[in-house]
C-alpha atoms as a PDB file:
ATOM      1  CA  MET A   1    -152.442  22.114  91.135  1.00  0.00           C
ATOM      2  CA  THR A   2    -152.221  18.418  91.695  1.00  0.00           C
ATOM      3  CA  GLY A   3    -149.886  16.864  94.132  1.00  0.00           C
ATOM      4  CA  ALA A   4    -147.787  15.341  91.441  1.00  0.00           C
ATOM      5  CA  LYS A   5    -147.188  18.612  89.694  1.00  0.00           C
ATOM      6  CA  LEU A   6    -146.398  20.334  92.984  1.00  0.00           C
ATOM      7  CA  ARG A   7    -143.743  17.795  93.758  1.00  0.00           C
ATOM      8  CA  LEU A   8    -142.217  18.225  90.292  1.00  0.00           C
ATOM      9  CA  LEU A   9    -142.023  22.005  90.726  1.00  0.00           C
ATOM     10  CA  VAL A  10    -140.329  21.645  94.131  1.00  0.00           C
ATOM     11  CA  TRP A  11    -137.766  19.304  92.550  1.00  0.00           C
ATOM     12  CA  PHE A  12    -136.817  21.804  89.835  1.00  0.00           C
ATOM     13  CA  VAL A  13    -136.423  24.644  92.358  1.00  0.00           C
ATOM     14  CA  THR A  14    -134.176  22.507  94.500  1.00  0.00           C
ATOM     15  CA  LEU A  15    -132.083  21.501  91.490  1.00  0.00           C
ATOM     16  CA  ALA A  16    -131.584  25.113  90.413  1.00  0.00           C
ATOM     17  CA  THR A  17    -130.449  26.085  93.866  1.00  0.00           C
ATOM     18  CA  LEU A  18    -127.867  23.341  93.928  1.00  0.00           C
ATOM     19  CA  LEU A  19    -126.471  24.304  90.502  1.00  0.00           C
ATOM     20  CA  SER A  20    -126.074  27.935  91.478  1.00  0.00           C
ATOM     21  CA  ALA A  21    -124.246  26.964  94.622  1.00  0.00           C
ATOM     22  CA  CYS A  22    -121.787  24.859  92.642  1.00  0.00           C
ATOM     23  CA  THR A  23    -120.752  27.728  90.206  1.00  0.00           C
ATOM     24  CA  PRO A  24    -117.386  29.254  91.404  1.00  0.00           C
ATOM     25  CA  VAL A  25    -117.114  32.985  91.921  1.00  0.00           C
ATOM     26  CA  ALA A  26    -114.323  34.474  89.795  1.00  0.00           C
ATOM     27  CA  ARG A  27    -111.884  36.691  91.717  1.00  0.00           C
ATOM     28  CA  LEU A  28    -110.905  40.102  90.411  1.00  0.00           C
ATOM     29  CA  GLU A  29    -107.272  39.265  89.992  1.00  0.00           C
ATOM     30  CA  GLU A  30    -108.112  36.041  88.190  1.00  0.00           C
ATOM     31  CA  ALA A  31    -110.463  37.852  85.906  1.00  0.00           C
ATOM     32  CA  ASP A  32    -107.851  40.514  85.115  1.00  0.00           C
ATOM     33  CA  ALA A  33    -105.251  37.897  84.349  1.00  0.00           C
ATOM     34  CA  GLY A  34    -107.210  36.741  81.419  1.00  0.00           C
ATOM     35  CA  ARG A  35    -107.446  40.132  79.811  1.00  0.00           C
ATOM     36  CA  PRO A  36    -104.821  41.397  77.350  1.00  0.00           C
ATOM     37  CA  ILE A  37    -102.528  44.148  78.716  1.00  0.00           C
ATOM     38  CA  GLU A  38    -103.017  47.374  76.869  1.00  0.00           C
ATOM     39  CA  SER A  39     -99.697  49.149  75.990  1.00  0.00           C
ATOM     40  CA  SER A  40     -99.493  52.909  76.119  1.00  0.00           C
ATOM     41  CA  ALA A  41     -98.390  54.813  72.966  1.00  0.00           C
ATOM     42  CA  LEU A  42     -96.466  57.319  75.084  1.00  0.00           C
ATOM     43  CA  PRO A  43     -92.691  56.757  75.699  1.00  0.00           C
ATOM     44  CA  PRO A  44     -91.570  55.929  79.180  1.00  0.00           C
ATOM     45  CA  ALA A  45     -90.759  58.867  81.390  1.00  0.00           C
ATOM     46  CA  ALA A  46     -87.151  59.978  81.272  1.00  0.00           C
ATOM     47  CA  ARG A  47     -85.011  59.053  84.197  1.00  0.00           C
ATOM     48  CA  ASP A  48     -82.805  61.577  85.906  1.00  0.00           C
ATOM     49  CA  ASP A  49     -79.915  59.135  86.116  1.00  0.00           C
ATOM     50  CA  ALA A  50     -80.120  58.012  82.480  1.00  0.00           C
ATOM     51  CA  ALA A  51     -77.026  58.792  80.375  1.00  0.00           C
ATOM     52  CA  ALA A  52     -77.503  61.434  77.696  1.00  0.00           C
ATOM     53  CA  PRO A  53     -77.331  60.078  74.132  1.00  0.00           C
ATOM     54  CA  HIS A  54     -73.876  60.537  72.440  1.00  0.00           C
ATOM     55  CA  ARG A  55     -73.949  63.010  69.588  1.00  0.00           C
ATOM     56  CA  THR A  56     -71.057  63.379  67.050  1.00  0.00           C
ATOM     57  CA  ALA A  57     -70.324  66.988  66.210  1.00  0.00           C
ATOM     58  CA  PRO A  58     -70.302  67.654  62.442  1.00  0.00           C
ATOM     59  CA  THR A  59     -66.781  67.990  60.996  1.00  0.00           C
ATOM     60  CA  ALA A  60     -66.260  71.466  59.576  1.00  0.00           C
ATOM     61  CA  THR A  61     -64.450  71.642  56.222  1.00  0.00           C
ATOM     62  CA  PRO A  62     -61.506  74.026  56.661  1.00  0.00           C
ATOM     63  CA  THR A  63     -61.594  77.027  54.397  1.00  0.00           C
ATOM     64  CA  PRO A  64     -58.453  77.015  52.225  1.00  0.00           C
ATOM     65  CA  VAL A  65     -56.232  79.984  52.916  1.00  0.00           C
ATOM     66  CA  PRO A  66     -55.174  81.603  49.629  1.00  0.00           C
ATOM     67  CA  LYS A  67     -51.441  81.812  49.147  1.00  0.00           C
ATOM     68  CA  PRO A  68     -50.162  85.372  48.910  1.00  0.00           C
ATOM     69  CA  ARG A  69     -49.041  86.384  45.475  1.00  0.00           C
ATOM     70  CA  PRO A  70     -45.269  86.683  45.135  1.00  0.00           C
ATOM     71  CA  VAL A  71     -44.093  90.258  45.159  1.00  0.00           C
ATOM     72  CA  PRO A  72     -41.359  91.289  42.687  1.00  0.00           C
ATOM     73  CA  ARG A  73     -38.195  92.160  44.546  1.00  0.00           C
ATOM     74  CA  PRO A  74     -34.902  93.732  43.442  1.00  0.00           C
ATOM     75  CA  PHE A  75     -32.888  91.294  41.358  1.00  0.00           C
ATOM     76  CA  ALA A  76     -29.387  91.531  39.876  1.00  0.00           C
ATOM     77  CA  LEU A  77     -27.271  89.419  37.543  1.00  0.00           C
ATOM     78  CA  ASN A  78     -23.830  90.259  36.167  1.00  0.00           C
ATOM     79  CA  LEU A  79     -21.621  87.963  34.104  1.00  0.00           C
ATOM     80  CA  TYR A  80     -18.672  90.350  34.028  1.00  0.00           C
ATOM     81  CA  ARG A  81     -15.485  89.628  35.966  1.00  0.00           C
ATOM     82  CA  GLU A  82     -12.378  91.695  36.365  1.00  0.00           C
ATOM     83  CA  GLY A  83     -10.152  91.274  33.309  1.00  0.00           C
ATOM     84  CA  ASP A  84     -12.957  90.580  30.796  1.00  0.00           C
ATOM     85  CA  PHE A  85     -12.759  94.031  29.217  1.00  0.00           C
ATOM     86  CA  VAL A  86     -10.825  94.440  25.955  1.00  0.00           C
ATOM     87  CA  PRO A  87     -10.433  97.809  24.144  1.00  0.00           C
ATOM     88  CA  GLN A  88     -10.734  98.104  20.400  1.00  0.00           C
ATOM     89  CA  TYR A  89      -7.283  98.699  18.954  1.00  0.00           C
ATOM     90  CA  THR A  90      -8.548 100.806  16.045  1.00  0.00           C
ATOM     91  CA  PHE A  91     -11.609 102.984  15.661  1.00  0.00           C
ATOM     92  CA  GLU A  92     -13.098 100.365  13.317  1.00  0.00           C
ATOM     93  CA  TRP A  93     -12.685  97.183  15.333  1.00  0.00           C
ATOM     94  CA  CYS A  94     -15.511  97.604  17.844  1.00  0.00           C
ATOM     95  CA  VAL A  95     -17.252  94.401  16.681  1.00  0.00           C
ATOM     96  CA  ALA A  96     -14.069  92.341  16.975  1.00  0.00           C
ATOM     97  CA  ALA A  97     -13.259  93.730  20.436  1.00  0.00           C
ATOM     98  CA  SER A  98     -16.821  92.955  21.521  1.00  0.00           C
ATOM     99  CA  ILE A  99     -16.425  89.364  20.322  1.00  0.00           C
ATOM    100  CA  GLN A 100     -13.308  89.062  22.463  1.00  0.00           C
ATOM    101  CA  MET A 101     -15.124  90.444  25.520  1.00  0.00           C
ATOM    102  CA  MET A 102     -18.110  88.162  24.979  1.00  0.00           C
ATOM    103  CA  HIS A 103     -15.764  85.194  24.882  1.00  0.00           C
ATOM    104  CA  ASN A 104     -14.087  86.272  28.108  1.00  0.00           C
ATOM    105  CA  VAL A 105     -17.415  86.770  29.868  1.00  0.00           C
ATOM    106  CA  THR A 106     -18.615  83.285  28.963  1.00  0.00           C
ATOM    107  CA  ASP A 107     -15.315  81.469  29.468  1.00  0.00           C
ATOM    108  CA  GLY A 108     -15.765  79.709  32.779  1.00  0.00           C
ATOM    109  CA  THR A 109     -12.236  78.291  32.808  1.00  0.00           C
ATOM    110  CA  ARG A 110     -10.559  81.716  32.765  1.00  0.00           C
ATOM    111  CA  THR A 111      -7.590  80.086  31.062  1.00  0.00           C
ATOM    112  CA  GLY A 112      -7.877  81.568  27.581  1.00  0.00           C
ATOM    113  CA  THR A 113      -8.593  85.293  27.775  1.00  0.00           C
ATOM    114  CA  TRP A 114      -9.016  86.826  24.344  1.00  0.00           C
ATOM    115  CA  ALA A 115      -7.273  90.180  24.203  1.00  0.00           C
ATOM    116  CA  ASP A 116      -4.579  89.917  21.522  1.00  0.00           C
ATOM    117  CA  ARG A 117      -4.419  92.675  18.922  1.00  0.00           C
ATOM    118  CA  GLY A 118      -3.632  90.261  16.092  1.00  0.00           C
ATOM    119  CA  GLN A 119      -6.574  88.082  16.994  1.00  0.00           C
ATOM    120  CA  GLN A 120      -8.823  91.146  17.123  1.00  0.00           C
ATOM    121  CA  GLY A 121      -7.823  92.041  13.581  1.00  0.00           C
ATOM    122  CA  GLU A 122      -8.591  88.519  12.401  1.00  0.00           C
ATOM    123  CA  LEU A 123     -12.005  88.569  14.054  1.00  0.00           C
ATOM    124  CA  TRP A 124     -12.795  91.889  12.410  1.00  0.00           C
ATOM    125  CA  GLU A 125     -11.931  90.480   8.994  1.00  0.00           C
ATOM    126  CA  MET A 126     -14.139  87.448   9.663  1.00  0.00           C
ATOM    127  CA  ALA A 127     -17.085  89.620  10.708  1.00  0.00           C
ATOM    128  CA  ARG A 128     -16.582  91.989   7.782  1.00  0.00           C
ATOM    129  CA  ALA A 129     -16.526  89.114   5.295  1.00  0.00           C
ATOM    130  CA  ARG A 130     -19.831  87.840   6.717  1.00  0.00           C
ATOM    131  CA  SER A 131     -21.596  91.199   6.820  1.00  0.00           C
ATOM    132  CA  SER A 132     -24.294  92.155   4.330  1.00  0.00           C
ATOM    133  CA  ASN A 133     -22.326  95.177   3.103  1.00  0.00           C
ATOM    134  CA  SER A 134     -18.585  94.844   3.679  1.00  0.00           C
ATOM    135  CA  PHE A 135     -18.091  98.367   2.360  1.00  0.00           C
ATOM    136  CA  ASN A 136     -19.349  99.600   5.735  1.00  0.00           C
ATOM    137  CA  GLY A 137     -17.063  97.233   7.627  1.00  0.00           C
ATOM    138  CA  ALA A 138     -18.266  94.604  10.059  1.00  0.00           C
ATOM    139  CA  ASN A 139     -21.907  94.912  11.046  1.00  0.00           C
ATOM    140  CA  PRO A 140     -24.172  93.042  13.530  1.00  0.00           C
ATOM    141  CA  LEU A 141     -25.068  90.347  10.992  1.00  0.00           C
ATOM    142  CA  GLY A 142     -21.398  89.429  10.594  1.00  0.00           C
ATOM    143  CA  TRP A 143     -20.972  89.758  14.368  1.00  0.00           C
ATOM    144  CA  ALA A 144     -23.643  87.119  15.069  1.00  0.00           C
ATOM    145  CA  LYS A 145     -22.267  84.768  12.402  1.00  0.00           C
ATOM    146  CA  VAL A 146     -18.766  84.866  13.871  1.00  0.00           C
ATOM    147  CA  LEU A 147     -20.111  84.199  17.378  1.00  0.00           C
ATOM    148  CA  ASN A 148     -21.899  81.135  16.037  1.00  0.00           C
ATOM    149  CA  GLU A 149     -18.882  79.897  14.106  1.00  0.00           C
ATOM    150  CA  VAL A 150     -16.437  80.149  16.996  1.00  0.00           C
ATOM    151  CA  GLY A 151     -18.761  78.156  19.277  1.00  0.00           C
ATOM    152  CA  MET A 152     -20.317  80.897  21.373  1.00  0.00           C
ATOM    153  CA  GLY A 153     -23.786  80.719  19.847  1.00  0.00           C
ATOM    154  CA  PRO A 154     -26.446  80.425  18.935  1.00  0.00           C
ATOM    155  CA  TYR A 155     -26.923  84.156  18.417  1.00  0.00           C
ATOM    156  CA  ALA A 156     -29.412  86.035  16.247  1.00  0.00           C
ATOM    157  CA  VAL A 157     -29.899  89.679  15.297  1.00  0.00           C
ATOM    158  CA  VAL A 158     -33.287  91.080  16.362  1.00  0.00           C
ATOM    159  CA  SER A 159     -34.913  94.494  16.113  1.00  0.00           C
ATOM    160  CA  ILE A 160     -37.494  95.566  18.705  1.00  0.00           C
ATOM    161  CA  ALA A 161     -39.615  98.664  18.268  1.00  0.00           C
ATOM    162  CA  ASP A 162     -40.212  99.444  21.969  1.00  0.00           C
ATOM    163  CA  TYR A 163     -37.269 100.518  24.130  1.00  0.00           C
ATOM    164  CA  ARG A 164     -38.468  99.000  27.415  1.00  0.00           C
ATOM    165  CA  GLU A 165     -39.314  95.762  25.670  1.00  0.00           C
ATOM    166  CA  ALA A 166     -35.840  95.676  24.127  1.00  0.00           C
ATOM    167  CA  LEU A 167     -34.274  95.965  27.587  1.00  0.00           C
ATOM    168  CA  GLN A 168     -36.518  93.224  28.938  1.00  0.00           C
ATOM    169  CA  THR A 169     -35.679  90.976  25.997  1.00  0.00           C
ATOM    170  CA  ALA A 170     -31.957  91.463  26.547  1.00  0.00           C
ATOM    171  CA  ALA A 171     -32.174  90.881  30.306  1.00  0.00           C
ATOM    172  CA  ARG A 172     -34.340  87.804  29.889  1.00  0.00           C
ATOM    173  CA  ALA A 173     -31.860  86.325  27.374  1.00  0.00           C
ATOM    174  CA  ILE A 174     -28.910  86.875  29.731  1.00  0.00           C
ATOM    175  CA  ALA A 175     -30.767  85.245  32.628  1.00  0.00           C
ATOM    176  CA  LYS A 176     -31.877  82.286  30.521  1.00  0.00           C
ATOM    177  CA  THR A 177     -28.683  81.540  28.597  1.00  0.00           C
ATOM    178  CA  GLY A 178     -25.907  82.861  30.839  1.00  0.00           C
ATOM    179  CA  ARG A 179     -24.393  84.701  27.868  1.00  0.00           C
ATOM    180  CA  PRO A 180     -24.022  88.427  27.109  1.00  0.00           C
ATOM    181  CA  VAL A 181     -26.026  90.509  24.640  1.00  0.00           C
ATOM    182  CA  GLY A 182     -24.685  92.744  21.882  1.00  0.00           C
ATOM    183  CA  LEU A 183     -26.114  96.281  21.735  1.00  0.00           C
ATOM    184  CA  VAL A 184     -26.090  98.162  18.430  1.00  0.00           C
ATOM    185  CA  MET A 185     -25.390 101.789  19.378  1.00  0.00           C
ATOM    186  CA  TRP A 186     -25.380 105.192  17.700  1.00  0.00           C
ATOM    187  CA  ARG A 187     -28.008 104.279  15.058  1.00  0.00           C
ATOM    188  CA  GLY A 188     -25.853 101.386  13.865  1.00  0.00           C
ATOM    189  CA  ARG A 189     -22.410 103.009  13.952  1.00  0.00           C
ATOM    190  CA  HIS A 190     -21.023 101.414  17.116  1.00  0.00           C
ATOM    191  CA  VAL A 191     -21.528  98.390  19.400  1.00  0.00           C
ATOM    192  CA  TRP A 192     -21.379  97.661  23.118  1.00  0.00           C
ATOM    193  CA  VAL A 193     -21.662  94.484  25.186  1.00  0.00           C
ATOM    194  CA  MET A 194     -24.380  94.117  27.816  1.00  0.00           C
ATOM    195  CA  SER A 195     -23.067  91.746  30.487  1.00  0.00           C
ATOM    196  CA  GLY A 196     -25.721  92.094  33.183  1.00  0.00           C
ATOM    197  CA  PHE A 197     -28.662  94.007  34.583  1.00  0.00           C
ATOM    198  CA  GLN A 198     -30.652  94.988  37.640  1.00  0.00           C
ATOM    199  CA  SER A 199     -34.425  94.705  37.772  1.00  0.00           C
ATOM    200  CA  ILE A 200     -37.503  94.656  39.928  1.00  0.00           C
ATOM    201  CA  GLY A 201     -38.436  91.005  39.710  1.00  0.00           C
ATOM    202  CA  ASP A 202     -36.566  87.933  38.562  1.00  0.00           C
ATOM    203  CA  PRO A 203     -37.160  87.458  34.795  1.00  0.00           C
ATOM    204  CA  ALA A 204     -37.554  83.715  35.373  1.00  0.00           C
ATOM    205  CA  ARG A 205     -40.517  84.318  37.730  1.00  0.00           C
ATOM    206  CA  PHE A 206     -42.094  87.576  36.635  1.00  0.00           C
ATOM    207  CA  PRO A 207     -42.875  88.060  32.932  1.00  0.00           C
ATOM    208  CA  LYS A 208     -43.599  91.747  33.550  1.00  0.00           C
ATOM    209  CA  PHE A 209     -40.390  92.584  35.418  1.00  0.00           C
ATOM    210  CA  SER A 210     -38.855  96.015  34.878  1.00  0.00           C
ATOM    211  CA  VAL A 211     -35.196  96.696  34.096  1.00  0.00           C
ATOM    212  CA  THR A 212     -33.695  99.377  36.333  1.00  0.00           C
ATOM    213  CA  GLY A 213     -29.988  99.079  35.479  1.00  0.00           C
ATOM    214  CA  ILE A 214     -27.797  97.836  32.619  1.00  0.00           C
ATOM    215  CA  ARG A 215     -24.184  96.612  32.923  1.00  0.00           C
ATOM    216  CA  VAL A 216     -22.218  97.592  29.809  1.00  0.00           C
ATOM    217  CA  GLN A 217     -18.772  97.326  28.219  1.00  0.00           C
ATOM    218  CA  ASP A 218     -17.892  99.940  25.604  1.00  0.00           C
ATOM    219  CA  PRO A 219     -14.769  98.836  23.657  1.00  0.00           C
ATOM    220  CA  LEU A 220     -14.093 102.484  22.791  1.00  0.00           C
ATOM    221  CA  TYR A 221     -13.462 103.410  26.433  1.00  0.00           C
ATOM    222  CA  PRO A 222     -12.036 105.837  27.450  1.00  0.00           C
ATOM    223  CA  TYR A 223     -12.507 107.911  24.312  1.00  0.00           C
ATOM    224  CA  GLY A 224     -16.231 108.206  23.722  1.00  0.00           C
ATOM    225  CA  ASP A 225     -17.705 110.426  21.034  1.00  0.00           C
ATOM    226  CA  VAL A 226     -18.267 114.154  20.724  1.00  0.00           C
ATOM    227  CA  LYS A 227     -21.839 113.698  19.488  1.00  0.00           C
ATOM    228  CA  TRP A 228     -22.961 110.668  21.509  1.00  0.00           C
ATOM    229  CA  GLY A 229     -21.143 111.301  24.739  1.00  0.00           C
ATOM    230  CA  PRO A 230     -18.393 109.727  26.840  1.00  0.00           C
ATOM    231  CA  SER A 231     -17.769 106.013  27.044  1.00  0.00           C
ATOM    232  CA  PRO A 232     -18.810 104.463  30.365  1.00  0.00           C
ATOM    233  CA  ALA A 233     -16.113 102.680  32.337  1.00  0.00           C
ATOM    234  CA  PRO A 234     -15.956  98.883  32.044  1.00  0.00           C
ATOM    235  CA  ASN A 235     -18.724  97.186  34.030  1.00  0.00           C
ATOM    236  CA  ALA A 236     -20.542 100.498  34.514  1.00  0.00           C
ATOM    237  CA  LEU A 237     -24.159 100.311  35.683  1.00  0.00           C
ATOM    238  CA  LEU A 238     -26.341 102.675  33.656  1.00  0.00           C
ATOM    239  CA  THR A 239     -29.954 103.582  34.202  1.00  0.00           C
ATOM    240  CA  PRO A 240     -32.332 103.046  31.269  1.00  0.00           C
ATOM    241  CA  GLU A 241     -32.368 106.818  30.801  1.00  0.00           C
ATOM    242  CA  GLN A 242     -28.579 107.010  30.618  1.00  0.00           C
ATOM    243  CA  LEU A 243     -28.360 104.114  28.168  1.00  0.00           C
ATOM    244  CA  ALA A 244     -31.061 105.680  25.988  1.00  0.00           C
ATOM    245  CA  GLN A 245     -28.735 108.588  25.199  1.00  0.00           C
ATOM    246  CA  GLN A 246     -26.585 106.282  23.038  1.00  0.00           C
ATOM    247  CA  PHE A 247     -28.726 103.176  22.507  1.00  0.00           C
ATOM    248  CA  VAL A 248     -31.203 104.426  19.937  1.00  0.00           C
ATOM    249  CA  VAL A 249     -33.194 103.114  17.005  1.00  0.00           C
ATOM    250  CA  ARG A 250     -30.917 101.912  14.215  1.00  0.00           C
ATOM    251  CA  GLU A 251     -30.849 104.043  11.094  1.00  0.00           C
ATOM    252  CA  PRO A 252     -32.131 101.771   8.274  1.00  0.00           C
ATOM    253  CA  ARG A 253     -30.243 103.696   5.578  1.00  0.00           C
ATOM    254  CA  ARG A 254     -26.814 102.780   6.926  1.00  0.00           C
ATOM    255  CA  TRP A 255     -26.972  99.113   5.878  1.00  0.00           C
ATOM    256  CA  SER A 256     -29.658  96.671   4.925  1.00  0.00           C
ATOM    257  CA  SER A 257     -30.577  93.890   7.349  1.00  0.00           C
ATOM    258  CA  GLY A 258     -34.071  92.967   6.247  1.00  0.00           C
ATOM    259  CA  LEU A 259     -35.279  93.809   9.757  1.00  0.00           C
ATOM    260  CA  PRO A 260     -37.707  96.603  10.649  1.00  0.00           C
ATOM    261  CA  ALA A 261     -36.364  99.739  12.285  1.00  0.00           C
ATOM    262  CA  GLY A 262     -35.973  99.387  16.022  1.00  0.00           C
ATOM    263  CA  TYR A 263     -33.563  98.836  18.881  1.00  0.00           C
ATOM    264  CA  MET A 264     -31.156  96.216  17.569  1.00  0.00           C
ATOM    265  CA  LEU A 265     -29.728  93.388  19.655  1.00  0.00           C
ATOM    266  CA  VAL A 266     -27.310  90.563  18.935  1.00  0.00           C
ATOM    267  CA  LEU A 267     -29.252  88.167  21.101  1.00  0.00           C
ATOM    268  CA  PRO A 268     -28.151  84.818  22.614  1.00  0.00           C
ATOM    269  CA  LEU A 269     -30.654  82.021  22.066  1.00  0.00           C
ATOM    270  CA  ALA A 270     -31.245  78.913  24.132  1.00  0.00           C
ATOM    271  CA  LYS A 271     -29.215  75.959  22.935  1.00  0.00           C
ATOM    272  CA  THR A 272     -31.233  73.099  21.491  1.00  0.00           C
END
């Protein structure tokens, strides 16, 4: 190697040494500062003093409590007042006497009691003239017509085949209208007035109520009949069994009404 080349090689070695000495050494913390910080996917550890998250309890829907069904209880209604009774003055005038009693029962003023014998005769003539067969005297058809004409109606004659249903119909009409019912007795030969009743259940609340007692006025009292039995006292309370001894199905042959055979009522209707 020539001297010139040797000098050139020494120069390069010296230069390399100087350059390496001038390169700064990076510190660990400086090197780390340049790196991105890796985040952990795991949540931070729970702290003992951290407040528990607030949870709202679900609102329970209250279960509706079913209302107890109403229980039928004893019920009573009576329109009769002392002094309403009127006897029939002849053995034929039962319809006329019943008209007088029905007026008295419904007269709230109590100032015009109907009890006069002359008036009873006039009412009988009116009912007889309006009956389907005047030969048999006054019948329920004439009875209802007179009640309507004198301002106590409306009334209608009905015939019901079932006895219990007839009692329910009569009681329901009294409770609804506040007026008495006419009962056709002895197969169509006599009449009474039904002024009230007792029942299990109020007819206005219980369609299937049962009648346990019937308040009656027999214009023939105190005589009664040998065949049908004694007349009950005014405002007597009869059981359905006791009433059934004299309140029976009307005999169709006695007079024509155009109604089927059954228990006949002169029934008050609701006013329109």
